[in-house]
């Protein structure tokens, strides 16, 4: 199995969108009532949070690779 780098921003974004989907699926199934305006702040806030997490993880990743050159990675 090929290894890939962890991308926590995508993990956060996916989790928030799944939560929004579950909320509206529960509403459509009659399990509970979800107001129509819940999705806007949930998705917007989740995507902003995912962007912040992606920015921070990129900064951490760049800082860890700070002293390396291209010849060192080969």
C-alpha atoms as a PDB file:
ATOM      1  CA  UNK A   1       0.000   0.000   0.000  1.00  0.00           C
ATOM      2  CA  UNK A   2       1.377   3.408  -0.947  1.00  0.00           C
ATOM      3  CA  UNK A   3       1.916   5.860   1.881  1.00  0.00           C
ATOM      4  CA  UNK A   4       0.571   9.378   1.635  1.00  0.00           C
ATOM      5  CA  UNK A   5       0.931  12.465   3.748  1.00  0.00           C
ATOM      6  CA  UNK A   6      -1.720  13.345   6.293  1.00  0.00           C
ATOM      7  CA  UNK A   7      -3.821  16.368   5.330  1.00  0.00           C
ATOM      8  CA  UNK A   8      -5.769  17.394   8.439  1.00  0.00           C
ATOM      9  CA  UNK A   9      -7.508  20.293   6.686  1.00  0.00           C
ATOM     10  CA  UNK A  10      -9.267  17.890   4.345  1.00  0.00           C
ATOM     11  CA  UNK A  11     -10.148  15.682   7.308  1.00  0.00           C
ATOM     12  CA  UNK A  12     -11.810  18.601   9.113  1.00  0.00           C
ATOM     13  CA  UNK A  13     -13.652  19.750   5.974  1.00  0.00           C
ATOM     14  CA  UNK A  14     -14.934  16.250   5.267  1.00  0.00           C
ATOM     15  CA  UNK A  15     -16.086  15.759   8.838  1.00  0.00           C
ATOM     16  CA  UNK A  16     -18.020  19.028   8.862  1.00  0.00           C
ATOM     17  CA  UNK A  17     -19.705  18.256   5.551  1.00  0.00           C
ATOM     18  CA  UNK A  18     -20.644  14.766   6.735  1.00  0.00           C
ATOM     19  CA  UNK A  19     -22.160  16.266   9.907  1.00  0.00           C
ATOM     20  CA  UNK A  20     -24.203  18.702   7.788  1.00  0.00           C
ATOM     21  CA  UNK A  21     -25.367  15.806   5.615  1.00  0.00           C
ATOM     22  CA  UNK A  22     -26.366  13.721   8.645  1.00  0.00           C
ATOM     23  CA  UNK A  23     -28.310  16.655  10.094  1.00  0.00           C
ATOM     24  CA  UNK A  24     -30.354  17.070   6.936  1.00  0.00           C
ATOM     25  CA  UNK A  25     -30.738  13.322   6.412  1.00  0.00           C
ATOM     26  CA  UNK A  26     -32.189  13.076   9.920  1.00  0.00           C
ATOM     27  CA  UNK A  27     -34.517  15.947   9.123  1.00  0.00           C
ATOM     28  CA  UNK A  28     -35.621  14.330   5.872  1.00  0.00           C
ATOM     29  CA  UNK A  29     -36.213  11.029   7.649  1.00  0.00           C
ATOM     30  CA  UNK A  30     -38.338  12.684  10.308  1.00  0.00           C
ATOM     31  CA  UNK A  31     -35.997  11.916  13.212  1.00  0.00           C
ATOM     32  CA  UNK A  32     -35.679  15.604  14.185  1.00  0.00           C
ATOM     33  CA  UNK A  33     -36.291  19.112  12.894  1.00  0.00           C
ATOM     34  CA  UNK A  34     -33.359  21.052  11.440  1.00  0.00           C
ATOM     35  CA  UNK A  35     -33.964  24.702  10.498  1.00  0.00           C
ATOM     36  CA  UNK A  36     -32.947  25.607   6.945  1.00  0.00           C
ATOM     37  CA  UNK A  37     -30.453  28.248   8.101  1.00  0.00           C
ATOM     38  CA  UNK A  38     -28.280  25.827  10.109  1.00  0.00           C
ATOM     39  CA  UNK A  39     -26.256  24.695   7.100  1.00  0.00           C
ATOM     40  CA  UNK A  40     -24.852  28.117   6.223  1.00  0.00           C
ATOM     41  CA  UNK A  41     -22.911  28.828   9.451  1.00  0.00           C
ATOM     42  CA  UNK A  42     -22.036  25.148   9.907  1.00  0.00           C
ATOM     43  CA  UNK A  43     -20.480  24.743   6.464  1.00  0.00           C
ATOM     44  CA  UNK A  44     -18.919  28.230   6.392  1.00  0.00           C
ATOM     45  CA  UNK A  45     -17.418  27.879   9.862  1.00  0.00           C
ATOM     46  CA  UNK A  46     -16.220  24.357   9.106  1.00  0.00           C
ATOM     47  CA  UNK A  47     -14.519  25.395   5.885  1.00  0.00           C
ATOM     48  CA  UNK A  48     -12.850  28.346   7.639  1.00  0.00           C
ATOM     49  CA  UNK A  49     -11.663  26.004  10.383  1.00  0.00           C
ATOM     50  CA  UNK A  50     -10.392  23.549   7.764  1.00  0.00           C
ATOM     51  CA  UNK A  51      -8.490  26.352   6.040  1.00  0.00           C
ATOM     52  CA  UNK A  52      -6.878  27.401   9.314  1.00  0.00           C
ATOM     53  CA  UNK A  53      -5.897  23.805  10.094  1.00  0.00           C
ATOM     54  CA  UNK A  54      -4.452  23.362   6.610  1.00  0.00           C
ATOM     55  CA  UNK A  55      -2.473  26.595   6.954  1.00  0.00           C
ATOM     56  CA  UNK A  56      -1.067  25.566  10.322  1.00  0.00           C
ATOM     57  CA  UNK A  57      -0.157  22.074   9.172  1.00  0.00           C
ATOM     58  CA  UNK A  58       1.559  23.545   6.101  1.00  0.00           C
ATOM     59  CA  UNK A  59       3.579  25.892   8.287  1.00  0.00           C
ATOM     60  CA  UNK A  60       4.581  23.054  10.605  1.00  0.00           C
ATOM     61  CA  UNK A  61       5.532  20.843   7.668  1.00  0.00           C
ATOM     62  CA  UNK A  62       7.573  23.648   6.083  1.00  0.00           C
ATOM     63  CA  UNK A  63       9.317  24.404   9.384  1.00  0.00           C
ATOM     64  CA  UNK A  64      10.295  20.741   9.869  1.00  0.00           C
ATOM     65  CA  UNK A  65      11.834  20.630   6.389  1.00  0.00           C
ATOM     66  CA  UNK A  66      13.586  23.984   6.877  1.00  0.00           C
ATOM     67  CA  UNK A  67      17.245  22.971   6.673  1.00  0.00           C
ATOM     68  CA  UNK A  68      16.920  20.323   3.995  1.00  0.00           C
ATOM     69  CA  UNK A  69      17.940  20.842   0.412  1.00  0.00           C
ATOM     70  CA  UNK A  70      16.859  18.999  -2.657  1.00  0.00           C
ATOM     71  CA  UNK A  71      20.059  16.889  -2.636  1.00  0.00           C
ATOM     72  CA  UNK A  72      19.338  15.784   0.945  1.00  0.00           C
ATOM     73  CA  UNK A  73      15.933  14.392  -0.012  1.00  0.00           C
ATOM     74  CA  UNK A  74      17.219  12.155  -2.818  1.00  0.00           C
END
